[in-house]
Amino acid sequence: MTPHPSVLITLRRDPVDDRDIRTRIASWVRRLGFAPAVAHDGREALAWVRERPFAATFVECGVEGEAGVEAWRVIQPHQGRRLVLMIREPDRAIWFEALGRGVGAVLPLPPAERTVQAALRAATGWGDQPEPLRRF
């Protein structure tokens, strides 16, 4: 099996919550066959997106990018539907704005494994092909 490309993960810096959430998301992404890459801030995430391709990019709302602009707003033109925006607090305005701009999915935090899997499928199209019928 050919390995899938990398998935970039960027969360706000919260010394307790984020380390655990980041570790869980990376573990689930790896288990799904993708190579997780973790950026420590929005500037690093944007630099990586400009340097190399990612199958998907998970960025938390509120992570600062360039010139005080949220990272997801700067990364989205590069990633298009491959961007997954992660949100801690339910905010319908941000949710609809993100989907209107063409992000692949909006993921509530803290996530569940099945929601990470669904977001990854939405952002990459991975698994859209039906499995072949099996003979018994």
C-alpha atoms as a PDB file:
ATOM      1  CA  MET A   1       0.000   0.000   0.000  1.00  0.00           C
ATOM      2  CA  THR A   2       1.304   3.458  -0.905  1.00  0.00           C
ATOM      3  CA  PRO A   3       1.410   5.787   2.103  1.00  0.00           C
ATOM      4  CA  HIS A   4      -0.858   8.827   2.027  1.00  0.00           C
ATOM      5  CA  PRO A   5       0.678  12.296   2.177  1.00  0.00           C
ATOM      6  CA  SER A   6       0.948  14.384   5.290  1.00  0.00           C
ATOM      7  CA  VAL A   7      -1.828  16.047   7.274  1.00  0.00           C
ATOM      8  CA  LEU A   8      -0.856  19.297   8.989  1.00  0.00           C
ATOM      9  CA  ILE A   9      -2.243  19.958  12.489  1.00  0.00           C
ATOM     10  CA  THR A  10      -2.105  23.365  14.210  1.00  0.00           C
ATOM     11  CA  LEU A  11      -3.763  24.262  17.509  1.00  0.00           C
ATOM     12  CA  ARG A  12      -3.595  27.257  19.825  1.00  0.00           C
ATOM     13  CA  ARG A  13      -0.975  27.055  22.515  1.00  0.00           C
ATOM     14  CA  ASP A  14      -2.660  25.888  25.685  1.00  0.00           C
ATOM     15  CA  PRO A  15      -0.167  24.001  27.827  1.00  0.00           C
ATOM     16  CA  VAL A  16      -2.652  21.435  29.106  1.00  0.00           C
ATOM     17  CA  ASP A  17      -5.542  20.916  26.683  1.00  0.00           C
ATOM     18  CA  ASP A  18      -3.803  21.339  23.360  1.00  0.00           C
ATOM     19  CA  ARG A  19      -1.008  18.841  23.942  1.00  0.00           C
ATOM     20  CA  ASP A  20      -3.552  16.103  24.633  1.00  0.00           C
ATOM     21  CA  ILE A  21      -5.839  17.116  21.755  1.00  0.00           C
ATOM     22  CA  ARG A  22      -2.890  17.449  19.373  1.00  0.00           C
ATOM     23  CA  THR A  23      -1.582  14.020  20.369  1.00  0.00           C
ATOM     24  CA  ARG A  24      -4.987  12.366  19.920  1.00  0.00           C
ATOM     25  CA  ILE A  25      -5.617  13.949  16.516  1.00  0.00           C
ATOM     26  CA  ALA A  26      -2.113  12.995  15.317  1.00  0.00           C
ATOM     27  CA  SER A  27      -2.645   9.429  16.534  1.00  0.00           C
ATOM     28  CA  TRP A  28      -5.997   9.112  14.736  1.00  0.00           C
ATOM     29  CA  VAL A  29      -4.577  10.640  11.533  1.00  0.00           C
ATOM     30  CA  ARG A  30      -1.667   8.167  11.646  1.00  0.00           C
ATOM     31  CA  ARG A  31      -4.039   5.248  12.252  1.00  0.00           C
ATOM     32  CA  LEU A  32      -5.975   6.293   9.125  1.00  0.00           C
ATOM     33  CA  GLY A  33      -2.794   5.951   7.064  1.00  0.00           C
ATOM     34  CA  PHE A  34      -1.726   9.602   6.843  1.00  0.00           C
ATOM     35  CA  ALA A  35       1.520  11.066   8.188  1.00  0.00           C
ATOM     36  CA  PRO A  36       0.740  13.773  10.780  1.00  0.00           C
ATOM     37  CA  ALA A  37       2.854  16.933  10.807  1.00  0.00           C
ATOM     38  CA  VAL A  38       2.401  19.295  13.761  1.00  0.00           C
ATOM     39  CA  ALA A  39       3.051  23.028  13.436  1.00  0.00           C
ATOM     40  CA  HIS A  40       3.570  24.913  16.685  1.00  0.00           C
ATOM     41  CA  ASP A  41       1.976  28.168  15.527  1.00  0.00           C
ATOM     42  CA  GLY A  42       0.174  29.784  12.616  1.00  0.00           C
ATOM     43  CA  ARG A  43       3.284  31.255  11.027  1.00  0.00           C
ATOM     44  CA  GLU A  44       4.979  27.861  10.928  1.00  0.00           C
ATOM     45  CA  ALA A  45       1.810  26.273   9.506  1.00  0.00           C
ATOM     46  CA  LEU A  46       1.605  28.865   6.743  1.00  0.00           C
ATOM     47  CA  ALA A  47       5.305  28.438   5.890  1.00  0.00           C
ATOM     48  CA  TRP A  48       4.826  24.654   5.609  1.00  0.00           C
ATOM     49  CA  VAL A  49       1.712  25.029   3.442  1.00  0.00           C
ATOM     50  CA  ARG A  50       3.682  27.280   1.094  1.00  0.00           C
ATOM     51  CA  GLU A  51       6.603  24.793   0.957  1.00  0.00           C
ATOM     52  CA  ARG A  52       4.977  21.412   0.485  1.00  0.00           C
ATOM     53  CA  PRO A  53       1.662  19.766  -0.308  1.00  0.00           C
ATOM     54  CA  PHE A  54      -0.617  18.415   2.404  1.00  0.00           C
ATOM     55  CA  ALA A  55      -3.544  16.067   1.911  1.00  0.00           C
ATOM     56  CA  ALA A  56      -5.380  18.133   4.531  1.00  0.00           C
ATOM     57  CA  THR A  57      -4.636  20.900   7.016  1.00  0.00           C
ATOM     58  CA  PHE A  58      -6.367  21.057  10.399  1.00  0.00           C
ATOM     59  CA  VAL A  59      -6.162  24.587  11.889  1.00  0.00           C
ATOM     60  CA  GLU A  60      -7.864  25.857  15.005  1.00  0.00           C
ATOM     61  CA  CYS A  61      -9.861  29.062  14.784  1.00  0.00           C
ATOM     62  CA  GLY A  62      -8.001  31.758  16.707  1.00  0.00           C
ATOM     63  CA  VAL A  63      -4.466  30.635  15.782  1.00  0.00           C
ATOM     64  CA  GLU A  64      -2.703  33.804  14.693  1.00  0.00           C
ATOM     65  CA  GLY A  65      -1.093  33.843  11.258  1.00  0.00           C
ATOM     66  CA  GLU A  66       0.577  36.759   9.500  1.00  0.00           C
ATOM     67  CA  ALA A  67       0.028  40.395  10.506  1.00  0.00           C
ATOM     68  CA  GLY A  68      -2.531  39.437  13.164  1.00  0.00           C
ATOM     69  CA  VAL A  69      -4.817  37.674  10.670  1.00  0.00           C
ATOM     70  CA  GLU A  70      -6.111  34.284  11.755  1.00  0.00           C
ATOM     71  CA  ALA A  71      -4.056  31.504  10.174  1.00  0.00           C
ATOM     72  CA  TRP A  72      -7.045  29.681   8.679  1.00  0.00           C
ATOM     73  CA  ARG A  73      -7.986  32.773   6.664  1.00  0.00           C
ATOM     74  CA  VAL A  74      -4.477  32.954   5.168  1.00  0.00           C
ATOM     75  CA  ILE A  75      -4.095  29.184   4.653  1.00  0.00           C
ATOM     76  CA  GLN A  76      -7.527  28.626   3.080  1.00  0.00           C
ATOM     77  CA  PRO A  77      -6.632  30.135  -0.326  1.00  0.00           C
ATOM     78  CA  HIS A  78      -3.682  27.695  -0.497  1.00  0.00           C
ATOM     79  CA  GLN A  79      -5.580  24.634   0.748  1.00  0.00           C
ATOM     80  CA  GLY A  80      -9.131  25.259  -0.464  1.00  0.00           C
ATOM     81  CA  ARG A  81     -11.432  22.420   0.575  1.00  0.00           C
ATOM     82  CA  ARG A  82      -8.456  20.557   2.071  1.00  0.00           C
ATOM     83  CA  LEU A  83      -8.646  22.893   5.084  1.00  0.00           C
ATOM     84  CA  VAL A  84     -10.427  21.682   8.206  1.00  0.00           C
ATOM     85  CA  LEU A  85     -11.251  24.494  10.629  1.00  0.00           C
ATOM     86  CA  MET A  86     -11.365  23.430  14.283  1.00  0.00           C
ATOM     87  CA  ILE A  87     -13.581  25.427  16.671  1.00  0.00           C
ATOM     88  CA  ARG A  88     -13.778  25.223  20.493  1.00  0.00           C
ATOM     89  CA  GLU A  89     -16.849  27.394  21.015  1.00  0.00           C
ATOM     90  CA  PRO A  90     -19.910  26.986  18.815  1.00  0.00           C
ATOM     91  CA  ASP A  91     -20.018  30.088  16.617  1.00  0.00           C
ATOM     92  CA  ARG A  92     -22.484  29.835  13.771  1.00  0.00           C
ATOM     93  CA  ALA A  93     -21.142  32.970  12.062  1.00  0.00           C
ATOM     94  CA  ILE A  94     -17.609  31.522  11.810  1.00  0.00           C
ATOM     95  CA  TRP A  95     -18.994  28.095  10.905  1.00  0.00           C
ATOM     96  CA  PHE A  96     -21.022  29.480   7.980  1.00  0.00           C
ATOM     97  CA  GLU A  97     -18.262  31.869   6.902  1.00  0.00           C
ATOM     98  CA  ALA A  98     -15.750  29.015   6.762  1.00  0.00           C
ATOM     99  CA  LEU A  99     -18.059  26.747   4.794  1.00  0.00           C
ATOM    100  CA  GLY A 100     -18.959  29.656   2.513  1.00  0.00           C
ATOM    101  CA  ARG A 101     -15.264  30.239   1.812  1.00  0.00           C
ATOM    102  CA  GLY A 102     -14.902  26.601   0.784  1.00  0.00           C
ATOM    103  CA  VAL A 103     -13.220  24.864   3.723  1.00  0.00           C
ATOM    104  CA  GLY A 104     -13.664  21.099   3.625  1.00  0.00           C
ATOM    105  CA  ALA A 105     -15.098  20.732   7.124  1.00  0.00           C
ATOM    106  CA  VAL A 106     -15.575  22.435  10.469  1.00  0.00           C
ATOM    107  CA  LEU A 107     -14.570  20.265  13.421  1.00  0.00           C
ATOM    108  CA  PRO A 108     -15.734  21.001  16.981  1.00  0.00           C
ATOM    109  CA  LEU A 109     -13.100  20.714  19.716  1.00  0.00           C
ATOM    110  CA  PRO A 110     -12.421  18.599  21.609  1.00  0.00           C
ATOM    111  CA  PRO A 111     -12.877  16.099  18.800  1.00  0.00           C
ATOM    112  CA  ALA A 112     -13.967  12.495  18.729  1.00  0.00           C
ATOM    113  CA  GLU A 113     -12.125  10.005  16.553  1.00  0.00           C
ATOM    114  CA  ARG A 114     -15.100   9.554  14.239  1.00  0.00           C
ATOM    115  CA  THR A 115     -15.419  13.319  13.668  1.00  0.00           C
ATOM    116  CA  VAL A 116     -11.717  13.572  12.794  1.00  0.00           C
ATOM    117  CA  GLN A 117     -12.186  10.698  10.358  1.00  0.00           C
ATOM    118  CA  ALA A 118     -15.259  12.368   8.814  1.00  0.00           C
ATOM    119  CA  ALA A 119     -13.448  15.717   8.508  1.00  0.00           C
ATOM    120  CA  LEU A 120     -10.464  14.021   6.876  1.00  0.00           C
ATOM    121  CA  ARG A 121     -12.772  12.287   4.402  1.00  0.00           C
ATOM    122  CA  ALA A 122     -14.538  15.562   3.590  1.00  0.00           C
ATOM    123  CA  ALA A 123     -11.261  17.443   3.098  1.00  0.00           C
ATOM    124  CA  THR A 124      -9.451  14.817   1.039  1.00  0.00           C
ATOM    125  CA  GLY A 125     -12.147  12.800  -0.670  1.00  0.00           C
ATOM    126  CA  TRP A 126     -10.397   9.779   0.827  1.00  0.00           C
ATOM    127  CA  GLY A 127     -12.671   6.791   0.928  1.00  0.00           C
ATOM    128  CA  ASP A 128     -15.172   8.237  -1.563  1.00  0.00           C
ATOM    129  CA  GLN A 129     -14.763   5.234  -3.821  1.00  0.00           C
ATOM    130  CA  PRO A 130     -17.010   2.319  -2.867  1.00  0.00           C
ATOM    131  CA  GLU A 131     -15.246  -0.814  -1.761  1.00  0.00           C
ATOM    132  CA  PRO A 132     -15.275  -3.616  -4.312  1.00  0.00           C
ATOM    133  CA  LEU A 133     -17.749  -6.400  -3.723  1.00  0.00           C
ATOM    134  CA  ARG A 134     -16.226  -9.377  -2.004  1.00  0.00           C
ATOM    135  CA  ARG A 135     -16.957 -12.910  -2.960  1.00  0.00           C
ATOM    136  CA  PHE A 136     -17.714 -15.315  -0.180  1.00  0.00           C
END
